[in-house]
Amino acid sequence: QHLTLKNIENIYPLESKQFFKFSFIRNPFSRIASAYCEIMQYRKDLRDFLVIYKDSSFKKFLQLIKKNHHTHWMPMNEFFPKKSMSFIGKFESFEEDLDNLGKLIGTKFSKKNSSESGNFSQEANYLAFYEDKENIELVSEIYKEDLNRFGYNFDDFIDFEKKEKKVKSLKPNIKLA
């Protein structure tokens, strides 16, 4: 479930003061391209929410999410205040950050499902989504605070996509069956 820290503190007002609070974040350029793929393939509820049709482009998707707030694509900085977290890891260094998190809390995590789940993120290359420069501008505007707060930028996204061994080069206009 996508709950903000404030939602969790409202549900567990006393307990949350004792929680070890952590999150994993992701470069917004990768995150939103992955979300687009997921929504277009599997999430009719979110397509209906945005009124996205079978031929909706990534650009149209970005224009719609800019106007329609939802926790599924909400900027990560809105999930938790800056100084409220005990640990923030990054998707791009997931294995290393998971090890660091485990050391902090005194546990060892199983990595059984961490990188071979077969989801879009592991298989897909999202570079083609940004051949249209307006898409870069839209993501930069929508996720400006995330880019600044977490030290992400478009060049980091390009470097990450190029170094990963991704077998599918997706196009930014998915057709539904």
C-alpha atoms as a PDB file:
ATOM      1  CA  GLN A   1       0.000   0.000   0.000  1.00  0.00           C
ATOM      2  CA  HIS A   2       1.159   3.536  -0.682  1.00  0.00           C
ATOM      3  CA  LEU A   3       0.858   5.320   2.658  1.00  0.00           C
ATOM      4  CA  THR A   4       2.586   8.527   3.597  1.00  0.00           C
ATOM      5  CA  LEU A   5       4.428   8.736   6.907  1.00  0.00           C
ATOM      6  CA  LYS A   6       1.704  11.106   8.095  1.00  0.00           C
ATOM      7  CA  ASN A   7      -0.962   8.458   7.291  1.00  0.00           C
ATOM      8  CA  ILE A   8       0.998   5.850   9.236  1.00  0.00           C
ATOM      9  CA  GLU A   9       1.456   8.193  12.206  1.00  0.00           C
ATOM     10  CA  ASN A  10      -2.307   8.848  12.211  1.00  0.00           C
ATOM     11  CA  ILE A  11      -3.030   5.103  12.250  1.00  0.00           C
ATOM     12  CA  TYR A  12      -0.338   4.301  14.852  1.00  0.00           C
ATOM     13  CA  PRO A  13       0.177   7.547  16.806  1.00  0.00           C
ATOM     14  CA  LEU A  14       2.030   6.026  19.769  1.00  0.00           C
ATOM     15  CA  GLU A  15       3.734   3.119  18.075  1.00  0.00           C
ATOM     16  CA  SER A  16       5.086   5.181  15.186  1.00  0.00           C
ATOM     17  CA  LYS A  17       7.301   7.156  17.560  1.00  0.00           C
ATOM     18  CA  GLN A  18       9.259   3.946  18.123  1.00  0.00           C
ATOM     19  CA  PHE A  19       9.359   2.804  14.488  1.00  0.00           C
ATOM     20  CA  PHE A  20      12.603   2.504  12.581  1.00  0.00           C
ATOM     21  CA  LYS A  21      11.529   4.444   9.509  1.00  0.00           C
ATOM     22  CA  PHE A  22      13.080   3.607   6.173  1.00  0.00           C
ATOM     23  CA  SER A  23      12.301   3.854   2.493  1.00  0.00           C
ATOM     24  CA  PHE A  24      13.794   2.962  -0.849  1.00  0.00           C
ATOM     25  CA  ILE A  25      13.607   5.627  -3.522  1.00  0.00           C
ATOM     26  CA  ARG A  26      14.249   5.649  -7.242  1.00  0.00           C
ATOM     27  CA  ASN A  27      15.355   8.086  -9.904  1.00  0.00           C
ATOM     28  CA  PRO A  28      12.098   9.769 -10.994  1.00  0.00           C
ATOM     29  CA  PHE A  29      12.939   9.286 -14.692  1.00  0.00           C
ATOM     30  CA  SER A  30      13.038   5.497 -14.204  1.00  0.00           C
ATOM     31  CA  ARG A  31      10.271   5.377 -11.644  1.00  0.00           C
ATOM     32  CA  ILE A  32       7.628   7.133 -13.729  1.00  0.00           C
ATOM     33  CA  ALA A  33       8.488   5.259 -16.948  1.00  0.00           C
ATOM     34  CA  SER A  34       8.106   2.003 -15.013  1.00  0.00           C
ATOM     35  CA  ALA A  35       4.838   3.221 -13.495  1.00  0.00           C
ATOM     36  CA  TYR A  36       3.535   4.086 -16.965  1.00  0.00           C
ATOM     37  CA  CYS A  37       4.323   0.547 -18.175  1.00  0.00           C
ATOM     38  CA  GLU A  38       2.671  -1.029 -15.154  1.00  0.00           C
ATOM     39  CA  ILE A  39      -0.424   1.154 -15.395  1.00  0.00           C
ATOM     40  CA  MET A  40      -0.843   0.670 -19.119  1.00  0.00           C
ATOM     41  CA  GLN A  41      -0.438  -3.106 -18.878  1.00  0.00           C
ATOM     42  CA  TYR A  42      -2.065  -4.026 -15.574  1.00  0.00           C
ATOM     43  CA  ARG A  43      -3.890  -1.172 -13.838  1.00  0.00           C
ATOM     44  CA  LYS A  44      -7.226  -0.483 -15.480  1.00  0.00           C
ATOM     45  CA  ASP A  45      -8.327   1.286 -12.286  1.00  0.00           C
ATOM     46  CA  LEU A  46      -5.566   3.877 -12.683  1.00  0.00           C
ATOM     47  CA  ARG A  47      -6.126   4.180 -16.438  1.00  0.00           C
ATOM     48  CA  ASP A  48      -9.780   4.897 -15.690  1.00  0.00           C
ATOM     49  CA  PHE A  49      -8.774   7.399 -12.991  1.00  0.00           C
ATOM     50  CA  LEU A  50      -6.669   9.298 -15.552  1.00  0.00           C
ATOM     51  CA  VAL A  51      -9.004   8.621 -18.488  1.00  0.00           C
ATOM     52  CA  ILE A  52      -6.161   7.091 -20.467  1.00  0.00           C
ATOM     53  CA  TYR A  53      -7.079   5.260 -23.609  1.00  0.00           C
ATOM     54  CA  LYS A  54      -5.364   2.369 -25.354  1.00  0.00           C
ATOM     55  CA  ASP A  55      -3.249   4.680 -27.487  1.00  0.00           C
ATOM     56  CA  SER A  56      -2.174   7.099 -24.747  1.00  0.00           C
ATOM     57  CA  SER A  57       1.432   8.136 -25.050  1.00  0.00           C
ATOM     58  CA  PHE A  58       3.925   8.598 -22.258  1.00  0.00           C
ATOM     59  CA  LYS A  59       3.712  12.356 -22.814  1.00  0.00           C
ATOM     60  CA  LYS A  60      -0.075  12.302 -22.390  1.00  0.00           C
ATOM     61  CA  PHE A  61       0.369  10.208 -19.246  1.00  0.00           C
ATOM     62  CA  LEU A  62       2.816  12.776 -17.824  1.00  0.00           C
ATOM     63  CA  GLN A  63       0.468  15.639 -18.649  1.00  0.00           C
ATOM     64  CA  LEU A  64      -2.364  13.841 -16.866  1.00  0.00           C
ATOM     65  CA  ILE A  65      -0.441  12.883 -13.719  1.00  0.00           C
ATOM     66  CA  LYS A  66       0.737  16.478 -13.425  1.00  0.00           C
ATOM     67  CA  LYS A  67      -2.935  17.495 -13.019  1.00  0.00           C
ATOM     68  CA  ASN A  68      -4.236  14.458 -11.105  1.00  0.00           C
ATOM     69  CA  HIS A  69      -2.745  13.704  -7.701  1.00  0.00           C
ATOM     70  CA  HIS A  70      -2.464  10.040  -6.684  1.00  0.00           C
ATOM     71  CA  THR A  71      -0.123   8.216  -4.318  1.00  0.00           C
ATOM     72  CA  HIS A  72       0.937   5.839  -7.097  1.00  0.00           C
ATOM     73  CA  TRP A  73       2.932   8.599  -8.843  1.00  0.00           C
ATOM     74  CA  MET A  74       3.218  11.101  -6.016  1.00  0.00           C
ATOM     75  CA  PRO A  75       6.734  12.508  -5.582  1.00  0.00           C
ATOM     76  CA  MET A  76       8.644  10.550  -2.937  1.00  0.00           C
ATOM     77  CA  ASN A  77       9.479  13.675  -0.947  1.00  0.00           C
ATOM     78  CA  GLU A  78       5.761  13.981  -0.164  1.00  0.00           C
ATOM     79  CA  PHE A  79       5.744  10.561   1.490  1.00  0.00           C
ATOM     80  CA  PHE A  80       7.974  11.610   4.374  1.00  0.00           C
ATOM     81  CA  PRO A  81       9.515  14.771   5.861  1.00  0.00           C
ATOM     82  CA  LYS A  82      13.217  15.197   5.234  1.00  0.00           C
ATOM     83  CA  LYS A  83      14.495  14.494   8.748  1.00  0.00           C
ATOM     84  CA  SER A  84      11.956  11.865   9.771  1.00  0.00           C
ATOM     85  CA  MET A  85      13.638   8.804   8.275  1.00  0.00           C
ATOM     86  CA  SER A  86      16.180   6.511   9.885  1.00  0.00           C
ATOM     87  CA  PHE A  87      17.404   5.223   6.521  1.00  0.00           C
ATOM     88  CA  ILE A  88      16.861   5.990   2.841  1.00  0.00           C
ATOM     89  CA  GLY A  89      18.149   3.517   0.274  1.00  0.00           C
ATOM     90  CA  LYS A  90      18.185   3.803  -3.489  1.00  0.00           C
ATOM     91  CA  PHE A  91      16.850   1.424  -6.125  1.00  0.00           C
ATOM     92  CA  GLU A  92      19.993   2.010  -8.162  1.00  0.00           C
ATOM     93  CA  SER A  93      22.173   0.595  -5.353  1.00  0.00           C
ATOM     94  CA  PHE A  94      19.549  -1.726  -3.887  1.00  0.00           C
ATOM     95  CA  GLU A  95      21.759  -4.706  -2.970  1.00  0.00           C
ATOM     96  CA  GLU A  96      24.362  -2.553  -1.206  1.00  0.00           C
ATOM     97  CA  ASP A  97      21.757  -0.396   0.524  1.00  0.00           C
ATOM     98  CA  LEU A  98      19.797  -3.467   1.639  1.00  0.00           C
ATOM     99  CA  ASP A  99      22.987  -4.813   3.219  1.00  0.00           C
ATOM    100  CA  ASN A 100      23.555  -1.454   4.944  1.00  0.00           C
ATOM    101  CA  LEU A 101      19.961  -1.421   6.203  1.00  0.00           C
ATOM    102  CA  GLY A 102      20.399  -4.952   7.548  1.00  0.00           C
ATOM    103  CA  LYS A 103      23.527  -3.910   9.445  1.00  0.00           C
ATOM    104  CA  LEU A 104      21.710  -0.931  10.956  1.00  0.00           C
ATOM    105  CA  ILE A 105      18.837  -3.026  12.291  1.00  0.00           C
ATOM    106  CA  GLY A 106      20.793  -6.216  12.958  1.00  0.00           C
ATOM    107  CA  THR A 107      19.267  -8.551  10.418  1.00  0.00           C
ATOM    108  CA  LYS A 108      20.183 -10.232   7.176  1.00  0.00           C
ATOM    109  CA  PHE A 109      17.692  -9.941   4.335  1.00  0.00           C
ATOM    110  CA  SER A 110      17.007 -12.711   1.882  1.00  0.00           C
ATOM    111  CA  LYS A 111      17.667 -11.471  -1.630  1.00  0.00           C
ATOM    112  CA  LYS A 112      15.703 -14.321  -3.139  1.00  0.00           C
ATOM    113  CA  ASN A 113      13.245 -12.054  -4.954  1.00  0.00           C
ATOM    114  CA  SER A 114      15.132  -8.784  -5.061  1.00  0.00           C
ATOM    115  CA  SER A 115      16.381  -8.784  -8.631  1.00  0.00           C
ATOM    116  CA  GLU A 116      14.803 -11.580 -10.608  1.00  0.00           C
ATOM    117  CA  SER A 117      11.117 -10.869 -10.299  1.00  0.00           C
ATOM    118  CA  GLY A 118      10.647 -10.352 -14.039  1.00  0.00           C
ATOM    119  CA  ASN A 119       9.046  -6.960 -13.659  1.00  0.00           C
ATOM    120  CA  PHE A 120       9.442  -4.111 -16.149  1.00  0.00           C
ATOM    121  CA  SER A 121      12.202  -2.479 -14.134  1.00  0.00           C
ATOM    122  CA  GLN A 122      14.520  -5.442 -14.417  1.00  0.00           C
ATOM    123  CA  GLU A 123      13.917  -6.140 -18.091  1.00  0.00           C
ATOM    124  CA  ALA A 124      13.135  -2.821 -19.708  1.00  0.00           C
ATOM    125  CA  ASN A 125      15.287  -0.026 -20.994  1.00  0.00           C
ATOM    126  CA  TYR A 126      13.464   3.306 -20.738  1.00  0.00           C
ATOM    127  CA  LEU A 127      15.798   5.523 -22.782  1.00  0.00           C
ATOM    128  CA  ALA A 128      13.350   5.792 -25.706  1.00  0.00           C
ATOM    129  CA  PHE A 129      10.779   7.401 -23.401  1.00  0.00           C
ATOM    130  CA  TYR A 130      12.944  10.503 -23.309  1.00  0.00           C
ATOM    131  CA  GLU A 131      13.762  10.944 -26.986  1.00  0.00           C
ATOM    132  CA  ASP A 132      11.027  13.576 -26.838  1.00  0.00           C
ATOM    133  CA  LYS A 133      12.682  16.378 -24.833  1.00  0.00           C
ATOM    134  CA  GLU A 134       9.304  17.585 -23.569  1.00  0.00           C
ATOM    135  CA  ASN A 135       9.065  14.365 -21.542  1.00  0.00           C
ATOM    136  CA  ILE A 136      12.340  15.268 -19.805  1.00  0.00           C
ATOM    137  CA  GLU A 137      10.941  18.712 -19.028  1.00  0.00           C
ATOM    138  CA  LEU A 138       7.661  17.310 -17.690  1.00  0.00           C
ATOM    139  CA  VAL A 139       9.367  14.792 -15.388  1.00  0.00           C
ATOM    140  CA  SER A 140      11.818  17.472 -14.240  1.00  0.00           C
ATOM    141  CA  GLU A 141       8.915  19.739 -13.358  1.00  0.00           C
ATOM    142  CA  ILE A 142       6.695  17.121 -11.691  1.00  0.00           C
ATOM    143  CA  TYR A 143       9.552  15.627  -9.680  1.00  0.00           C
ATOM    144  CA  LYS A 144      11.670  18.753  -9.124  1.00  0.00           C
ATOM    145  CA  GLU A 145      11.774  18.317  -5.350  1.00  0.00           C
ATOM    146  CA  ASP A 146      12.691  14.622  -5.598  1.00  0.00           C
ATOM    147  CA  LEU A 147      15.494  15.409  -8.035  1.00  0.00           C
ATOM    148  CA  ASN A 148      16.868  18.076  -5.698  1.00  0.00           C
ATOM    149  CA  ARG A 149      16.328  16.338  -2.367  1.00  0.00           C
ATOM    150  CA  PHE A 150      17.678  12.941  -3.357  1.00  0.00           C
ATOM    151  CA  GLY A 151      20.415  14.093  -5.722  1.00  0.00           C
ATOM    152  CA  TYR A 152      19.039  12.582  -8.924  1.00  0.00           C
ATOM    153  CA  ASN A 153      19.308  13.969 -12.445  1.00  0.00           C
ATOM    154  CA  PHE A 154      18.683  12.935 -16.029  1.00  0.00           C
ATOM    155  CA  ASP A 155      22.340  12.113 -16.710  1.00  0.00           C
ATOM    156  CA  ASP A 156      22.317   9.630 -13.803  1.00  0.00           C
ATOM    157  CA  PHE A 157      19.240   8.013 -15.339  1.00  0.00           C
ATOM    158  CA  ILE A 158      20.997   7.660 -18.714  1.00  0.00           C
ATOM    159  CA  ASP A 159      24.109   6.176 -17.081  1.00  0.00           C
ATOM    160  CA  PHE A 160      22.052   3.685 -15.065  1.00  0.00           C
ATOM    161  CA  GLU A 161      19.977   2.583 -18.068  1.00  0.00           C
ATOM    162  CA  LYS A 162      23.081   2.117 -20.218  1.00  0.00           C
ATOM    163  CA  LYS A 163      25.004   0.072 -17.651  1.00  0.00           C
ATOM    164  CA  GLU A 164      22.133  -2.282 -16.795  1.00  0.00           C
ATOM    165  CA  LYS A 165      21.735  -5.398 -18.914  1.00  0.00           C
ATOM    166  CA  LYS A 166      18.151  -4.889 -19.978  1.00  0.00           C
ATOM    167  CA  VAL A 167      16.787  -6.983 -22.772  1.00  0.00           C
ATOM    168  CA  LYS A 168      13.705  -4.983 -23.765  1.00  0.00           C
ATOM    169  CA  SER A 169      13.915  -1.531 -25.267  1.00  0.00           C
ATOM    170  CA  LEU A 170      10.410  -0.257 -24.666  1.00  0.00           C
ATOM    171  CA  LYS A 171       8.748   2.452 -26.705  1.00  0.00           C
ATOM    172  CA  PRO A 172       6.855   5.233 -24.964  1.00  0.00           C
ATOM    173  CA  ASN A 173       3.494   4.316 -26.451  1.00  0.00           C
ATOM    174  CA  ILE A 174       2.163   0.985 -25.278  1.00  0.00           C
ATOM    175  CA  LYS A 175      -0.755  -0.557 -27.129  1.00  0.00           C
ATOM    176  CA  LEU A 176      -3.121  -2.603 -25.026  1.00  0.00           C
ATOM    177  CA  ALA A 177      -4.312  -5.952 -26.305  1.00  0.00           C
END
